[in-house]
């Protein structure tokens, strides 16, 4: 695996290009996410952040360029990235079920069962694991908290978070920042995108700015 500034690179994107028809969405995008650190991308809606994240996660094929995960070339659009917790756009939940049941069903898909852990994760993100309230009646902020719980519940090595503070009030934002800092302290590699510069400045070791499909490193 390559080294950068003394640290291992977990995610490396090289000269990525992606177009939809005549519209070029990613234009020669390159970045690195060192292991155990938080890399942030600031950019307004429509700048290309979500498409980049979808390529990294395996939800879209890039047109050209390459993605390396843990030093190995990864062909996006074929299969989902492994050992990663992901938030991209609106997470799909079972609207007629409670928050804890949603986590339980997703956990069981991987043949895992640990209700004590799931209750702990729910409380960590500020949700009541005993609540019978259906997800369809959740506020946007509550759904975002549930999405964060889903992303971290399997203790993945990598977190890829597109606008994770979406819908949260100031207290919720501060609580989630603390959670992400704790995940970093556990050695997690975190790639985070936000249109809010304050979130990026508060959390990130490395910062990129994305505009009109192009990216530049700020620090």
C-alpha atoms as a PDB file:
ATOM      1  CA  UNK A   1       0.000   0.000   0.000  1.00  0.00           C
ATOM      2  CA  UNK A   2       1.232   3.499  -0.725  1.00  0.00           C
ATOM      3  CA  UNK A   3       2.221   5.881   2.007  1.00  0.00           C
ATOM      4  CA  UNK A   4       1.436   9.560   2.203  1.00  0.00           C
ATOM      5  CA  UNK A   5       2.686  11.898   4.920  1.00  0.00           C
ATOM      6  CA  UNK A   6       3.626   8.830   6.939  1.00  0.00           C
ATOM      7  CA  UNK A   7       0.152   7.266   6.787  1.00  0.00           C
ATOM      8  CA  UNK A   8      -1.369   4.501   4.732  1.00  0.00           C
ATOM      9  CA  UNK A   9      -3.783   5.419   1.961  1.00  0.00           C
ATOM     10  CA  UNK A  10      -7.113   3.579   2.293  1.00  0.00           C
ATOM     11  CA  UNK A  11      -8.922   5.158  -0.683  1.00  0.00           C
ATOM     12  CA  UNK A  12      -7.211   6.614  -3.744  1.00  0.00           C
ATOM     13  CA  UNK A  13      -9.039   8.069  -6.745  1.00  0.00           C
ATOM     14  CA  UNK A  14      -7.013   8.741  -9.896  1.00  0.00           C
ATOM     15  CA  UNK A  15      -8.146  10.907 -12.820  1.00  0.00           C
ATOM     16  CA  UNK A  16     -11.780   9.838 -12.568  1.00  0.00           C
ATOM     17  CA  UNK A  17     -14.136  10.867 -15.381  1.00  0.00           C
ATOM     18  CA  UNK A  18     -17.896  10.419 -15.505  1.00  0.00           C
ATOM     19  CA  UNK A  19     -20.476  11.813 -17.918  1.00  0.00           C
ATOM     20  CA  UNK A  20     -24.194  11.409 -18.374  1.00  0.00           C
ATOM     21  CA  UNK A  21     -24.862  12.020 -22.035  1.00  0.00           C
ATOM     22  CA  UNK A  22     -23.280  15.341 -22.952  1.00  0.00           C
ATOM     23  CA  UNK A  23     -22.937  16.436 -19.329  1.00  0.00           C
ATOM     24  CA  UNK A  24     -19.537  15.799 -17.755  1.00  0.00           C
ATOM     25  CA  UNK A  25     -20.105  15.347 -14.014  1.00  0.00           C
ATOM     26  CA  UNK A  26     -16.596  14.289 -12.934  1.00  0.00           C
ATOM     27  CA  UNK A  27     -13.649  15.890 -14.699  1.00  0.00           C
ATOM     28  CA  UNK A  28     -10.206  14.406 -13.952  1.00  0.00           C
ATOM     29  CA  UNK A  29     -10.947  13.933 -10.234  1.00  0.00           C
ATOM     30  CA  UNK A  30      -8.110  12.679  -8.019  1.00  0.00           C
ATOM     31  CA  UNK A  31      -7.953  12.421  -4.232  1.00  0.00           C
ATOM     32  CA  UNK A  32      -6.511  10.329  -1.438  1.00  0.00           C
ATOM     33  CA  UNK A  33      -8.029   9.338   1.909  1.00  0.00           C
ATOM     34  CA  UNK A  34      -5.307   8.343   4.392  1.00  0.00           C
ATOM     35  CA  UNK A  35      -6.077   5.486   6.740  1.00  0.00           C
ATOM     36  CA  UNK A  36      -7.461   6.472  10.135  1.00  0.00           C
ATOM     37  CA  UNK A  37      -8.144  10.087   9.185  1.00  0.00           C
ATOM     38  CA  UNK A  38     -11.122  12.171   8.070  1.00  0.00           C
ATOM     39  CA  UNK A  39     -11.068  13.512   4.529  1.00  0.00           C
ATOM     40  CA  UNK A  40     -13.697  16.101   3.686  1.00  0.00           C
ATOM     41  CA  UNK A  41     -15.128  17.421   0.432  1.00  0.00           C
ATOM     42  CA  UNK A  42     -16.850  20.784   0.463  1.00  0.00           C
ATOM     43  CA  UNK A  43     -19.101  21.707  -2.449  1.00  0.00           C
ATOM     44  CA  UNK A  44     -22.560  22.959  -3.245  1.00  0.00           C
ATOM     45  CA  UNK A  45     -25.370  20.679  -4.375  1.00  0.00           C
ATOM     46  CA  UNK A  46     -24.764  19.600  -7.963  1.00  0.00           C
ATOM     47  CA  UNK A  47     -20.978  19.958  -7.779  1.00  0.00           C
ATOM     48  CA  UNK A  48     -20.428  16.217  -8.368  1.00  0.00           C
ATOM     49  CA  UNK A  49     -19.865  15.007  -4.808  1.00  0.00           C
ATOM     50  CA  UNK A  50     -22.655  12.415  -4.810  1.00  0.00           C
ATOM     51  CA  UNK A  51     -21.649  10.952  -8.189  1.00  0.00           C
ATOM     52  CA  UNK A  52     -18.054  10.663  -6.959  1.00  0.00           C
ATOM     53  CA  UNK A  53     -19.211   8.888  -3.816  1.00  0.00           C
ATOM     54  CA  UNK A  54     -21.389   6.515  -5.839  1.00  0.00           C
ATOM     55  CA  UNK A  55     -18.390   5.573  -7.981  1.00  0.00           C
ATOM     56  CA  UNK A  56     -16.220   4.986  -4.909  1.00  0.00           C
ATOM     57  CA  UNK A  57     -18.929   2.860  -3.278  1.00  0.00           C
ATOM     58  CA  UNK A  58     -19.556   0.760  -6.382  1.00  0.00           C
ATOM     59  CA  UNK A  59     -22.976   2.102  -7.325  1.00  0.00           C
ATOM     60  CA  UNK A  60     -21.815   3.652 -10.616  1.00  0.00           C
ATOM     61  CA  UNK A  61     -19.234   2.788 -13.278  1.00  0.00           C
ATOM     62  CA  UNK A  62     -16.667   5.480 -13.992  1.00  0.00           C
ATOM     63  CA  UNK A  63     -15.937   6.275 -17.654  1.00  0.00           C
ATOM     64  CA  UNK A  64     -12.170   6.400 -17.107  1.00  0.00           C
ATOM     65  CA  UNK A  65      -9.619   6.649 -14.331  1.00  0.00           C
ATOM     66  CA  UNK A  66      -9.285   4.241 -11.450  1.00  0.00           C
ATOM     67  CA  UNK A  67     -10.159   3.716  -7.817  1.00  0.00           C
ATOM     68  CA  UNK A  68      -7.877   1.898  -5.391  1.00  0.00           C
ATOM     69  CA  UNK A  69      -9.201   0.562  -2.096  1.00  0.00           C
ATOM     70  CA  UNK A  70      -6.557  -0.513   0.402  1.00  0.00           C
ATOM     71  CA  UNK A  71      -3.987  -0.453  -2.389  1.00  0.00           C
ATOM     72  CA  UNK A  72      -5.928  -2.690  -4.786  1.00  0.00           C
ATOM     73  CA  UNK A  73      -7.647  -1.569  -7.945  1.00  0.00           C
ATOM     74  CA  UNK A  74     -11.386  -1.513  -7.526  1.00  0.00           C
ATOM     75  CA  UNK A  75     -13.803  -1.528 -10.439  1.00  0.00           C
ATOM     76  CA  UNK A  76     -16.767   0.530  -9.395  1.00  0.00           C
ATOM     77  CA  UNK A  77     -20.273  -0.233 -10.600  1.00  0.00           C
ATOM     78  CA  UNK A  78     -19.722  -3.958 -10.210  1.00  0.00           C
ATOM     79  CA  UNK A  79     -20.152  -4.601  -6.511  1.00  0.00           C
ATOM     80  CA  UNK A  80     -20.440  -2.579  -3.354  1.00  0.00           C
ATOM     81  CA  UNK A  81     -17.286  -1.652  -1.495  1.00  0.00           C
ATOM     82  CA  UNK A  82     -16.687  -4.099   1.348  1.00  0.00           C
ATOM     83  CA  UNK A  83     -16.361  -3.339   5.074  1.00  0.00           C
ATOM     84  CA  UNK A  84     -17.807   0.161   4.673  1.00  0.00           C
ATOM     85  CA  UNK A  85     -20.658   2.067   6.262  1.00  0.00           C
ATOM     86  CA  UNK A  86     -22.350   4.256   3.677  1.00  0.00           C
ATOM     87  CA  UNK A  87     -24.760   7.178   3.622  1.00  0.00           C
ATOM     88  CA  UNK A  88     -25.651   8.417   0.144  1.00  0.00           C
ATOM     89  CA  UNK A  89     -28.758  10.460  -0.613  1.00  0.00           C
ATOM     90  CA  UNK A  90     -31.951   9.291   1.095  1.00  0.00           C
ATOM     91  CA  UNK A  91     -31.382   5.949   2.868  1.00  0.00           C
ATOM     92  CA  UNK A  92     -34.013   3.327   2.090  1.00  0.00           C
ATOM     93  CA  UNK A  93     -35.847   2.224   5.227  1.00  0.00           C
ATOM     94  CA  UNK A  94     -38.925   0.105   5.805  1.00  0.00           C
ATOM     95  CA  UNK A  95     -41.312   2.974   6.457  1.00  0.00           C
ATOM     96  CA  UNK A  96     -43.919   0.887   8.276  1.00  0.00           C
ATOM     97  CA  UNK A  97     -41.388  -0.474  10.810  1.00  0.00           C
ATOM     98  CA  UNK A  98     -39.752   1.085  13.853  1.00  0.00           C
ATOM     99  CA  UNK A  99     -36.170   2.324  13.839  1.00  0.00           C
ATOM    100  CA  UNK A 100     -34.844  -0.603  15.869  1.00  0.00           C
ATOM    101  CA  UNK A 101     -36.635  -3.124  13.635  1.00  0.00           C
ATOM    102  CA  UNK A 102     -35.012  -1.554  10.566  1.00  0.00           C
ATOM    103  CA  UNK A 103     -31.572  -2.014  12.095  1.00  0.00           C
ATOM    104  CA  UNK A 104     -32.450  -5.531  13.241  1.00  0.00           C
ATOM    105  CA  UNK A 105     -33.560  -6.648   9.763  1.00  0.00           C
ATOM    106  CA  UNK A 106     -30.457  -5.188   8.116  1.00  0.00           C
ATOM    107  CA  UNK A 107     -28.242  -6.805  10.751  1.00  0.00           C
ATOM    108  CA  UNK A 108     -29.881 -10.189  10.220  1.00  0.00           C
ATOM    109  CA  UNK A 109     -29.261 -10.036   6.462  1.00  0.00           C
ATOM    110  CA  UNK A 110     -25.579 -10.482   7.379  1.00  0.00           C
ATOM    111  CA  UNK A 111     -26.500 -13.360   9.715  1.00  0.00           C
ATOM    112  CA  UNK A 112     -25.795 -11.199  12.734  1.00  0.00           C
ATOM    113  CA  UNK A 113     -27.864 -10.893  15.876  1.00  0.00           C
ATOM    114  CA  UNK A 114     -27.045  -8.653  18.821  1.00  0.00           C
ATOM    115  CA  UNK A 115     -29.980  -6.623  20.081  1.00  0.00           C
ATOM    116  CA  UNK A 116     -27.957  -5.232  22.980  1.00  0.00           C
ATOM    117  CA  UNK A 117     -25.491  -3.712  20.518  1.00  0.00           C
ATOM    118  CA  UNK A 118     -28.266  -2.299  18.332  1.00  0.00           C
ATOM    119  CA  UNK A 119     -29.926  -0.697  21.361  1.00  0.00           C
ATOM    120  CA  UNK A 120     -26.582   0.824  22.309  1.00  0.00           C
ATOM    121  CA  UNK A 121     -26.074   2.205  18.782  1.00  0.00           C
ATOM    122  CA  UNK A 122     -29.579   3.679  18.747  1.00  0.00           C
ATOM    123  CA  UNK A 123     -28.980   5.449  22.042  1.00  0.00           C
ATOM    124  CA  UNK A 124     -25.590   6.653  20.816  1.00  0.00           C
ATOM    125  CA  UNK A 125     -27.201   8.512  17.903  1.00  0.00           C
ATOM    126  CA  UNK A 126     -29.929   9.937  20.118  1.00  0.00           C
ATOM    127  CA  UNK A 127     -32.844   7.625  19.254  1.00  0.00           C
ATOM    128  CA  UNK A 128     -35.002   5.588  21.625  1.00  0.00           C
ATOM    129  CA  UNK A 129     -34.571   1.863  20.871  1.00  0.00           C
ATOM    130  CA  UNK A 130     -37.794   1.072  22.747  1.00  0.00           C
ATOM    131  CA  UNK A 131     -39.908   3.425  20.625  1.00  0.00           C
ATOM    132  CA  UNK A 132     -42.567   1.806  18.423  1.00  0.00           C
ATOM    133  CA  UNK A 133     -42.794   4.915  16.251  1.00  0.00           C
ATOM    134  CA  UNK A 134     -42.758   4.002  12.558  1.00  0.00           C
ATOM    135  CA  UNK A 135     -40.018   5.416  10.370  1.00  0.00           C
ATOM    136  CA  UNK A 136     -42.621   7.040   8.104  1.00  0.00           C
ATOM    137  CA  UNK A 137     -43.438   9.303  11.057  1.00  0.00           C
ATOM    138  CA  UNK A 138     -39.791  10.205  11.722  1.00  0.00           C
ATOM    139  CA  UNK A 139     -38.587  13.741  11.117  1.00  0.00           C
ATOM    140  CA  UNK A 140     -35.799  14.231   8.571  1.00  0.00           C
ATOM    141  CA  UNK A 141     -33.333  14.595  11.427  1.00  0.00           C
ATOM    142  CA  UNK A 142     -34.473  11.336  13.042  1.00  0.00           C
ATOM    143  CA  UNK A 143     -34.090   9.515   9.719  1.00  0.00           C
ATOM    144  CA  UNK A 144     -30.580  10.923   9.415  1.00  0.00           C
ATOM    145  CA  UNK A 145     -29.712   9.704  12.913  1.00  0.00           C
ATOM    146  CA  UNK A 146     -31.022   6.257  11.966  1.00  0.00           C
ATOM    147  CA  UNK A 147     -28.921   6.317   8.790  1.00  0.00           C
ATOM    148  CA  UNK A 148     -25.822   7.086  10.854  1.00  0.00           C
ATOM    149  CA  UNK A 149     -26.696   4.221  13.206  1.00  0.00           C
ATOM    150  CA  UNK A 150     -26.980   1.915  10.208  1.00  0.00           C
ATOM    151  CA  UNK A 151     -23.610   3.091   8.858  1.00  0.00           C
ATOM    152  CA  UNK A 152     -21.695   2.420  12.084  1.00  0.00           C
ATOM    153  CA  UNK A 153     -23.535  -0.587  13.541  1.00  0.00           C
ATOM    154  CA  UNK A 154     -21.294  -3.236  11.946  1.00  0.00           C
ATOM    155  CA  UNK A 155     -18.097  -1.456  13.016  1.00  0.00           C
ATOM    156  CA  UNK A 156     -16.787  -1.029   9.444  1.00  0.00           C
ATOM    157  CA  UNK A 157     -13.227   0.019   8.647  1.00  0.00           C
ATOM    158  CA  UNK A 158     -14.419   2.794   6.323  1.00  0.00           C
ATOM    159  CA  UNK A 159     -17.248   5.333   6.552  1.00  0.00           C
ATOM    160  CA  UNK A 160     -18.401   7.094   3.370  1.00  0.00           C
ATOM    161  CA  UNK A 161     -20.846   9.819   4.338  1.00  0.00           C
ATOM    162  CA  UNK A 162     -22.558  12.119   1.861  1.00  0.00           C
ATOM    163  CA  UNK A 163     -24.160  15.072   3.708  1.00  0.00           C
ATOM    164  CA  UNK A 164     -24.466  13.166   7.024  1.00  0.00           C
ATOM    165  CA  UNK A 165     -25.674  16.283   8.889  1.00  0.00           C
ATOM    166  CA  UNK A 166     -28.654  16.767   6.590  1.00  0.00           C
ATOM    167  CA  UNK A 167     -31.803  17.654   8.556  1.00  0.00           C
ATOM    168  CA  UNK A 168     -30.071  17.887  11.945  1.00  0.00           C
ATOM    169  CA  UNK A 169     -30.415  20.859  14.262  1.00  0.00           C
ATOM    170  CA  UNK A 170     -27.353  22.471  15.846  1.00  0.00           C
ATOM    171  CA  UNK A 171     -27.377  20.115  18.830  1.00  0.00           C
ATOM    172  CA  UNK A 172     -27.724  17.106  16.542  1.00  0.00           C
ATOM    173  CA  UNK A 173     -24.845  18.304  14.381  1.00  0.00           C
ATOM    174  CA  UNK A 174     -22.600  18.632  17.430  1.00  0.00           C
ATOM    175  CA  UNK A 175     -23.597  15.162  18.668  1.00  0.00           C
ATOM    176  CA  UNK A 176     -22.819  13.582  15.280  1.00  0.00           C
ATOM    177  CA  UNK A 177     -19.489  15.394  15.077  1.00  0.00           C
ATOM    178  CA  UNK A 178     -18.554  13.806  18.408  1.00  0.00           C
ATOM    179  CA  UNK A 179     -19.562  10.372  17.093  1.00  0.00           C
ATOM    180  CA  UNK A 180     -17.454  10.771  13.948  1.00  0.00           C
ATOM    181  CA  UNK A 181     -14.457  11.894  16.009  1.00  0.00           C
ATOM    182  CA  UNK A 182     -14.835   8.801  18.201  1.00  0.00           C
ATOM    183  CA  UNK A 183     -15.015   6.597  15.089  1.00  0.00           C
ATOM    184  CA  UNK A 184     -11.799   8.201  13.852  1.00  0.00           C
ATOM    185  CA  UNK A 185     -10.159   7.489  17.217  1.00  0.00           C
ATOM    186  CA  UNK A 186     -10.990   3.817  16.672  1.00  0.00           C
ATOM    187  CA  UNK A 187      -8.864   3.948  13.498  1.00  0.00           C
ATOM    188  CA  UNK A 188     -11.681   4.338  10.982  1.00  0.00           C
ATOM    189  CA  UNK A 189     -11.078   5.991   7.626  1.00  0.00           C
ATOM    190  CA  UNK A 190     -13.816   8.543   6.978  1.00  0.00           C
ATOM    191  CA  UNK A 191     -14.687  10.269   3.710  1.00  0.00           C
ATOM    192  CA  UNK A 192     -17.276  12.960   4.290  1.00  0.00           C
ATOM    193  CA  UNK A 193     -18.989  15.411   1.946  1.00  0.00           C
ATOM    194  CA  UNK A 194     -20.889  18.511   2.959  1.00  0.00           C
ATOM    195  CA  UNK A 195     -22.046  21.830   1.563  1.00  0.00           C
ATOM    196  CA  UNK A 196     -21.448  23.248   5.068  1.00  0.00           C
ATOM    197  CA  UNK A 197     -17.893  24.521   5.392  1.00  0.00           C
ATOM    198  CA  UNK A 198     -18.195  24.625   9.186  1.00  0.00           C
ATOM    199  CA  UNK A 199     -18.686  20.829   9.362  1.00  0.00           C
ATOM    200  CA  UNK A 200     -15.685  20.230   7.131  1.00  0.00           C
ATOM    201  CA  UNK A 201     -13.431  22.615   9.054  1.00  0.00           C
ATOM    202  CA  UNK A 202     -14.466  21.169  12.426  1.00  0.00           C
ATOM    203  CA  UNK A 203     -13.931  17.524  11.530  1.00  0.00           C
ATOM    204  CA  UNK A 204     -11.485  16.973   8.702  1.00  0.00           C
ATOM    205  CA  UNK A 205      -7.751  16.353   8.574  1.00  0.00           C
ATOM    206  CA  UNK A 206      -7.703  16.833   4.793  1.00  0.00           C
ATOM    207  CA  UNK A 207     -10.026  19.082   2.805  1.00  0.00           C
ATOM    208  CA  UNK A 208     -10.934  19.179  -0.882  1.00  0.00           C
ATOM    209  CA  UNK A 209     -13.255  21.546  -2.686  1.00  0.00           C
ATOM    210  CA  UNK A 210     -15.426  20.374  -5.552  1.00  0.00           C
ATOM    211  CA  UNK A 211     -17.012  22.636  -8.148  1.00  0.00           C
ATOM    212  CA  UNK A 212     -18.490  21.786 -11.553  1.00  0.00           C
ATOM    213  CA  UNK A 213     -17.031  18.279 -11.455  1.00  0.00           C
ATOM    214  CA  UNK A 214     -13.493  19.381 -10.698  1.00  0.00           C
ATOM    215  CA  UNK A 215     -11.660  19.019  -7.408  1.00  0.00           C
ATOM    216  CA  UNK A 216      -8.771  20.774  -5.694  1.00  0.00           C
ATOM    217  CA  UNK A 217      -7.111  20.133  -2.358  1.00  0.00           C
ATOM    218  CA  UNK A 218      -7.308  22.979   0.160  1.00  0.00           C
ATOM    219  CA  UNK A 219      -5.300  21.288   2.940  1.00  0.00           C
END
